[in-house]
Amino acid sequence: MNLKQLEHVLRAGGSITGCREIVVVGSQALLASFPLAPEELLVSMEVDCYPLENPARADLIDGSIGELSPFHETFGYYAHGIGPETASLPARWGERIVRLENEHTGGTVGLCLSPADLAVSKLLAGREKDIGFVRVMLKTGVVSETTIRSLAAELNPEQASRLDVMLTVCRRSV
C-alpha cells in the first residue's frame, strides 16, 4: 500500500461513517510518518482502523470497504474495521499520534500510530508476521530498540515482560 491508497481509505471511511477522525492502528499507520517507507513494510493491502467518535461504526467500514467488498475488488486494497480494544498499546499512545490530513483525505483525519507505538503493538500481538515487521523496522532504522523499550513504562507488568521477550526474539535476526 502507498500513501495515496491510505488517503483513499480514510476518505471513504470518513464518508461511510460520517466521522471526521479515523484511528489507524495497523502497519499502514507507518505511512503518516514515513510516506516512502521501505517496501517490505508496505506489503499489507489492508488498513486496520476505527472511527474515533463512534468505534461501533467500524462495522460500516468492514461491510462497505472491507475485504472482498466491491471496493476491495476494484482497488486491490481495503479497510478492516476493528475496535479500539484490538491493539495493545502504551498508555500515552494518543499523545504521539501522527495526524494525516491533507487535500486527499477529503476532510477526514487519519490518526495514525507513531512508529514506536506501532512496534509495541505488533510485538505484543506476537504473531510471526508482526515480529518480522518489527525486525524490518529495526533493521531499516524506522524505530530503535531504545525507543521501543522506553515505552515499556506505559504498559502493565505482564505486557512489559512480553515486550522484553519479543524484542529479544527480534534482535536475534536484526
Foldseek 3Di string as FASTA:
>chain_A
DAPLLVLVLLLVLCVQQVAQEKEWQALCLCCLVPRPPPPVSVPAQETEIARPVDLVCLVSQCVDFNPPHVVCVVPVHGYRRDGPVPFDFFPVQQVVWRWDDDPSNNSHIYGGGQPLRSLLRLLLVPDPVSLVSVLVCCVVVVDHPVSNLVSLVRHDPVSNVSSVVSVVVSVVVD
